[in-house]
C-alpha cells in the first residue's frame, strides 16, 4: 500500500508497505486510529494513544487537531484503506513538508 509517512521534526516521505494491521501499527508505533481532517478521500492514521504516551508533537493538521507521534496518510477505498493516489501524495507532501514544533510559553507574572 502506497502511503505518506510523516514523522515529528522531519519532512514527509513516501513508502510502500504490505497492507496488514501489524504493518500499519508498526508505522505509528501502537494501536491505530484514523482521523479525517480534510475533505479529500484521505485517512490520517496515527497512534490512538499518542498524547497519553507523551509522544513528540508532530503537526497541527487542522484547527484544534494536533497529532503526536508518527502518522501516515493513505487513500480510502469503499471499505478499507488503500493506496494514496499520486495527486494527493503530492498535495499533502507539499502541505506537510515543513516540520512544526510546539513551544510552551508561560504567561507573564
N, C-alpha and C. Protein backbone atom coordinates (compact mmCIF):
# COMPACT_ATOMS: atom_id res chain seq x y z
N UNK A 1 0.85 -1.16 0.00
CA UNK A 1 0.00 0.00 0.00
C UNK A 1 0.90 1.23 0.00
N UNK A 2 0.64 2.16 -0.91
CA UNK A 2 1.43 3.39 -1.00
C UNK A 2 0.89 4.41 0.00
N UNK A 3 1.80 4.88 0.87
CA UNK A 3 1.41 5.82 1.92
C UNK A 3 2.42 6.96 1.99
N UNK A 4 2.05 7.99 2.73
CA UNK A 4 2.94 9.11 3.01
C UNK A 4 3.16 9.12 4.51
N UNK A 5 4.40 8.88 4.94
CA UNK A 5 4.73 8.83 6.36
C UNK A 5 5.22 10.21 6.80
N UNK A 6 4.69 10.67 7.94
CA UNK A 6 5.08 11.97 8.48
C UNK A 6 5.55 11.76 9.92
N UNK A 7 6.83 12.00 10.14
CA UNK A 7 7.43 11.83 11.47
C UNK A 7 7.69 13.20 12.09
N UNK A 8 7.66 13.29 13.42
CA UNK A 8 7.94 14.57 14.08
C UNK A 8 9.32 15.10 13.69
N UNK A 9 9.37 16.37 13.34
CA UNK A 9 10.62 17.03 13.04
C UNK A 9 11.24 16.68 11.70
N UNK A 10 10.51 15.97 10.84
CA UNK A 10 11.05 15.55 9.55
C UNK A 10 10.10 15.89 8.41
N UNK A 11 10.64 15.86 7.20
CA UNK A 11 9.82 16.04 6.01
C UNK A 11 9.07 14.73 5.74
N UNK A 12 7.88 14.80 5.13
CA UNK A 12 7.16 13.58 4.77
C UNK A 12 7.95 12.73 3.78
N UNK A 13 7.72 11.42 3.83
CA UNK A 13 8.38 10.52 2.87
C UNK A 13 7.38 9.48 2.38
N UNK A 14 7.54 9.12 1.11
CA UNK A 14 6.69 8.11 0.51
C UNK A 14 7.18 6.73 0.92
N UNK A 15 6.25 5.80 1.07
CA UNK A 15 6.61 4.42 1.40
C UNK A 15 5.59 3.49 0.78
N UNK A 16 6.01 2.25 0.59
CA UNK A 16 5.12 1.20 0.08
C UNK A 16 5.22 0.05 1.07
N UNK A 17 4.14 -0.20 1.81
CA UNK A 17 4.16 -1.23 2.86
C UNK A 17 3.11 -2.29 2.57
N UNK A 18 3.32 -3.50 3.09
CA UNK A 18 2.27 -4.52 2.97
C UNK A 18 1.03 -4.08 3.76
N UNK A 19 -0.13 -4.35 3.22
CA UNK A 19 -1.39 -3.91 3.82
C UNK A 19 -1.86 -4.94 4.86
N UNK A 20 -1.23 -4.90 6.03
CA UNK A 20 -1.66 -5.74 7.16
C UNK A 20 -1.78 -4.86 8.39
N UNK A 21 -2.61 -5.25 9.32
CA UNK A 21 -2.78 -4.48 10.55
C UNK A 21 -1.45 -4.33 11.29
N UNK A 22 -0.68 -5.40 11.37
CA UNK A 22 0.59 -5.32 12.10
C UNK A 22 1.55 -4.33 11.44
N UNK A 23 1.56 -4.24 10.12
CA UNK A 23 2.43 -3.27 9.45
C UNK A 23 1.94 -1.84 9.66
N UNK A 24 0.64 -1.64 9.63
CA UNK A 24 0.10 -0.30 9.88
C UNK A 24 0.43 0.15 11.30
N UNK A 25 0.29 -0.76 12.25
CA UNK A 25 0.62 -0.45 13.64
C UNK A 25 2.11 -0.19 13.82
N UNK A 26 2.95 -0.91 13.09
CA UNK A 26 4.40 -0.73 13.20
C UNK A 26 4.81 0.67 12.74
N UNK A 27 4.14 1.20 11.73
CA UNK A 27 4.49 2.54 11.23
C UNK A 27 4.26 3.59 12.31
N UNK A 28 3.13 3.50 13.02
CA UNK A 28 2.80 4.53 14.02
C UNK A 28 3.27 4.16 15.43
N UNK A 29 3.64 2.92 15.63
CA UNK A 29 4.17 2.51 16.94
C UNK A 29 3.13 2.15 17.97
N UNK A 30 1.93 1.77 17.54
CA UNK A 30 0.89 1.39 18.51
C UNK A 30 -0.42 1.11 17.81
N UNK A 31 -1.49 1.09 18.63
CA UNK A 31 -2.82 0.88 18.07
C UNK A 31 -3.18 2.05 17.16
N UNK A 32 -3.79 1.73 16.02
CA UNK A 32 -4.07 2.78 15.06
C UNK A 32 -5.43 3.42 15.27
N UNK A 33 -5.48 4.69 14.91
CA UNK A 33 -6.71 5.46 14.91
C UNK A 33 -6.71 6.25 13.61
N UNK A 34 -7.82 6.26 12.91
CA UNK A 34 -7.94 7.05 11.68
C UNK A 34 -8.75 8.31 11.97
N UNK A 35 -8.26 9.43 11.48
CA UNK A 35 -8.99 10.69 11.56
C UNK A 35 -9.08 11.25 10.14
N UNK A 36 -10.06 12.12 9.94
CA UNK A 36 -10.34 12.62 8.60
C UNK A 36 -10.46 14.15 8.65
N UNK A 37 -9.32 14.85 8.76
CA UNK A 37 -9.37 16.31 8.92
C UNK A 37 -9.60 17.09 7.62
N UNK A 38 -9.60 16.42 6.47
CA UNK A 38 -9.72 17.11 5.19
C UNK A 38 -10.88 16.54 4.39
N UNK A 39 -11.29 17.27 3.36
CA UNK A 39 -12.40 16.85 2.51
C UNK A 39 -12.02 15.77 1.49
N UNK A 40 -10.72 15.64 1.19
CA UNK A 40 -10.26 14.63 0.24
C UNK A 40 -10.46 13.23 0.80
N UNK A 41 -10.53 12.21 -0.07
CA UNK A 41 -10.67 10.83 0.40
C UNK A 41 -9.32 10.31 0.94
N UNK A 42 -8.94 10.87 2.08
CA UNK A 42 -7.65 10.57 2.71
C UNK A 42 -7.89 10.26 4.18
N UNK A 43 -7.23 9.22 4.67
CA UNK A 43 -7.24 8.92 6.10
C UNK A 43 -5.89 9.28 6.69
N UNK A 44 -5.90 9.95 7.82
CA UNK A 44 -4.69 10.19 8.59
C UNK A 44 -4.70 9.14 9.68
N UNK A 45 -3.71 8.27 9.67
CA UNK A 45 -3.66 7.15 10.62
C UNK A 45 -2.53 7.41 11.60
N UNK A 46 -2.87 7.42 12.89
CA UNK A 46 -1.90 7.73 13.93
C UNK A 46 -2.05 6.76 15.10
N UNK A 47 -1.16 6.89 16.08
CA UNK A 47 -1.24 6.10 17.31
C UNK A 47 -2.37 6.69 18.15
N UNK A 48 -3.36 5.88 18.47
CA UNK A 48 -4.51 6.40 19.21
C UNK A 48 -4.15 6.88 20.61
N UNK A 49 -3.00 6.48 21.12
CA UNK A 49 -2.58 6.90 22.46
C UNK A 49 -1.37 7.84 22.41
N UNK A 50 -1.17 8.50 21.26
CA UNK A 50 -0.01 9.36 21.09
C UNK A 50 0.14 10.42 22.16
N UNK A 51 -0.95 11.07 22.53
CA UNK A 51 -0.90 12.10 23.56
C UNK A 51 -0.67 11.48 24.93
N UNK A 52 -1.37 10.38 25.23
CA UNK A 52 -1.20 9.72 26.53
C UNK A 52 0.21 9.19 26.72
N UNK A 53 0.82 8.72 25.64
CA UNK A 53 2.20 8.21 25.70
C UNK A 53 3.22 9.34 25.71
N UNK A 54 2.74 10.57 25.61
CA UNK A 54 3.59 11.76 25.56
C UNK A 54 4.59 11.69 24.41
N UNK A 55 4.09 11.24 23.24
CA UNK A 55 4.92 11.21 22.05
C UNK A 55 5.20 12.65 21.61
N UNK A 56 6.25 12.83 20.83
CA UNK A 56 6.61 14.16 20.36
C UNK A 56 5.49 14.75 19.50
N UNK A 57 5.30 16.06 19.64
CA UNK A 57 4.34 16.77 18.78
C UNK A 57 4.81 16.63 17.34
N UNK A 58 3.85 16.43 16.43
CA UNK A 58 4.18 16.27 15.03
C UNK A 58 3.66 17.45 14.21
N UNK A 59 2.37 17.53 14.01
CA UNK A 59 1.79 18.58 13.19
C UNK A 59 0.42 18.98 13.75
N UNK A 60 0.05 20.22 13.50
CA UNK A 60 -1.31 20.68 13.70
C UNK A 60 -1.97 20.58 12.33
N UNK A 61 -2.81 19.58 12.14
CA UNK A 61 -3.34 19.30 10.79
C UNK A 61 -4.63 20.05 10.48
N UNK A 62 -5.28 20.56 11.49
CA UNK A 62 -6.48 21.38 11.33
C UNK A 62 -6.61 22.16 12.64
N UNK A 63 -7.39 23.23 12.62
CA UNK A 63 -7.57 23.95 13.89
C UNK A 63 -8.01 22.99 15.01
N UNK A 64 -7.29 23.00 16.09
CA UNK A 64 -7.58 22.17 17.25
C UNK A 64 -7.44 20.68 17.00
N UNK A 65 -6.62 20.27 16.02
CA UNK A 65 -6.36 18.85 15.75
C UNK A 65 -4.83 18.63 15.73
N UNK A 66 -4.22 18.58 16.93
CA UNK A 66 -2.78 18.29 16.97
C UNK A 66 -2.55 16.78 16.90
N UNK A 67 -1.48 16.40 16.22
CA UNK A 67 -1.12 14.99 16.11
C UNK A 67 0.23 14.80 16.81
N UNK A 68 0.30 13.79 17.66
CA UNK A 68 1.52 13.47 18.39
C UNK A 68 2.04 12.12 17.91
N UNK A 69 3.33 12.06 17.63
CA UNK A 69 3.93 10.83 17.14
C UNK A 69 3.82 10.72 15.63
N UNK A 70 4.41 9.67 15.10
CA UNK A 70 4.40 9.43 13.66
C UNK A 70 2.99 9.10 13.17
N UNK A 71 2.65 9.62 12.01
CA UNK A 71 1.38 9.26 11.37
C UNK A 71 1.63 9.03 9.89
N UNK A 72 0.64 8.45 9.24
CA UNK A 72 0.73 8.31 7.79
C UNK A 72 -0.61 8.63 7.15
N UNK A 73 -0.54 8.98 5.88
CA UNK A 73 -1.74 9.24 5.09
C UNK A 73 -1.90 8.12 4.08
N UNK A 74 -3.13 7.69 3.88
CA UNK A 74 -3.44 6.68 2.88
C UNK A 74 -4.77 7.05 2.23
N UNK A 75 -5.07 6.37 1.15
CA UNK A 75 -6.33 6.59 0.47
C UNK A 75 -7.45 5.82 1.14
N UNK A 76 -8.67 6.13 0.73
CA UNK A 76 -9.85 5.44 1.26
C UNK A 76 -10.53 4.67 0.14
N UNK A 77 -10.65 3.35 0.34
CA UNK A 77 -11.42 2.53 -0.57
C UNK A 77 -12.85 2.50 -0.10
N UNK A 78 -13.66 1.63 -0.69
CA UNK A 78 -15.06 1.54 -0.28
C UNK A 78 -15.22 1.04 1.15
N UNK A 79 -14.34 0.10 1.57
CA UNK A 79 -14.46 -0.45 2.91
C UNK A 79 -13.14 -0.53 3.67
N UNK A 80 -12.06 -0.05 3.09
CA UNK A 80 -10.76 -0.24 3.71
C UNK A 80 -9.80 0.85 3.24
N UNK A 81 -8.64 0.91 3.88
CA UNK A 81 -7.59 1.80 3.42
C UNK A 81 -7.03 1.28 2.10
N UNK A 82 -6.50 2.20 1.31
CA UNK A 82 -5.93 1.84 0.01
C UNK A 82 -4.76 2.76 -0.29
N UNK A 83 -4.14 2.59 -1.46
CA UNK A 83 -3.04 3.45 -1.87
C UNK A 83 -3.46 4.92 -1.85
N UNK A 84 -2.53 5.77 -1.45
CA UNK A 84 -2.75 7.20 -1.56
C UNK A 84 -2.47 7.58 -3.02
N UNK A 85 -3.46 8.12 -3.74
CA UNK A 85 -3.24 8.46 -5.15
C UNK A 85 -2.09 9.47 -5.31
N UNK A 86 -1.42 9.41 -6.46
CA UNK A 86 -0.25 10.25 -6.71
C UNK A 86 -0.54 11.74 -6.55
N UNK A 87 -1.70 12.19 -7.01
CA UNK A 87 -2.01 13.63 -6.90
C UNK A 87 -2.17 14.06 -5.45
N UNK A 88 -2.78 13.20 -4.62
CA UNK A 88 -2.93 13.52 -3.20
C UNK A 88 -1.61 13.33 -2.46
N UNK A 89 -0.79 12.39 -2.90
CA UNK A 89 0.54 12.21 -2.33
C UNK A 89 1.33 13.52 -2.47
N UNK A 90 1.27 14.09 -3.66
CA UNK A 90 1.98 15.34 -3.95
C UNK A 90 1.39 16.50 -3.14
N UNK A 91 0.07 16.60 -3.12
CA UNK A 91 -0.60 17.69 -2.42
C UNK A 91 -0.23 17.70 -0.94
N UNK A 92 -0.35 16.54 -0.28
CA UNK A 92 -0.11 16.50 1.16
C UNK A 92 1.38 16.48 1.51
N UNK A 93 2.20 16.00 0.61
CA UNK A 93 3.64 16.08 0.83
C UNK A 93 4.06 17.55 0.86
N UNK A 94 3.50 18.34 -0.05
CA UNK A 94 3.79 19.77 -0.06
C UNK A 94 3.20 20.48 1.15
N UNK A 95 1.96 20.15 1.49
CA UNK A 95 1.28 20.81 2.60
C UNK A 95 1.96 20.54 3.94
N UNK A 96 2.46 19.32 4.12
CA UNK A 96 3.06 18.92 5.40
C UNK A 96 4.59 18.95 5.37
N UNK A 97 5.17 19.54 4.34
CA UNK A 97 6.61 19.47 4.13
C UNK A 97 7.42 20.07 5.28
N UNK A 98 7.00 21.21 5.78
CA UNK A 98 7.77 21.86 6.84
C UNK A 98 7.41 21.28 8.21
N UNK A 99 8.42 20.78 8.94
CA UNK A 99 8.15 20.30 10.30
C UNK A 99 7.60 21.43 11.16
N UNK A 100 6.80 21.07 12.13
CA UNK A 100 6.26 22.04 13.09
C UNK A 100 6.74 21.66 14.47
N UNK A 101 6.84 22.66 15.33
CA UNK A 101 7.31 22.44 16.69
C UNK A 101 6.34 23.11 17.65
N UNK A 102 6.11 22.47 18.77
CA UNK A 102 5.22 23.00 19.80
C UNK A 102 6.10 23.66 20.85
N UNK A 103 5.84 24.92 21.10
CA UNK A 103 6.62 25.67 22.08
C UNK A 103 5.71 26.09 23.21
N UNK A 104 6.08 25.74 24.42
CA UNK A 104 5.30 26.15 25.58
C UNK A 104 5.78 27.52 26.02
N UNK A 105 4.83 28.37 26.33
CA UNK A 105 5.16 29.69 26.81
C UNK A 105 4.37 29.96 28.10
N UNK A 106 5.03 30.57 29.04
CA UNK A 106 4.36 30.92 30.29
C UNK A 106 3.77 32.32 30.17
N UNK A 107 2.66 32.50 30.80
CA UNK A 107 2.08 33.83 30.87
C UNK A 107 2.95 34.69 31.79
N UNK A 108 2.96 35.98 31.52
CA UNK A 108 3.70 36.90 32.38
C UNK A 108 3.16 36.86 33.80
N UNK A 109 4.05 37.05 34.72
CA UNK A 109 3.60 37.00 36.13
C UNK A 109 3.37 38.36 36.67
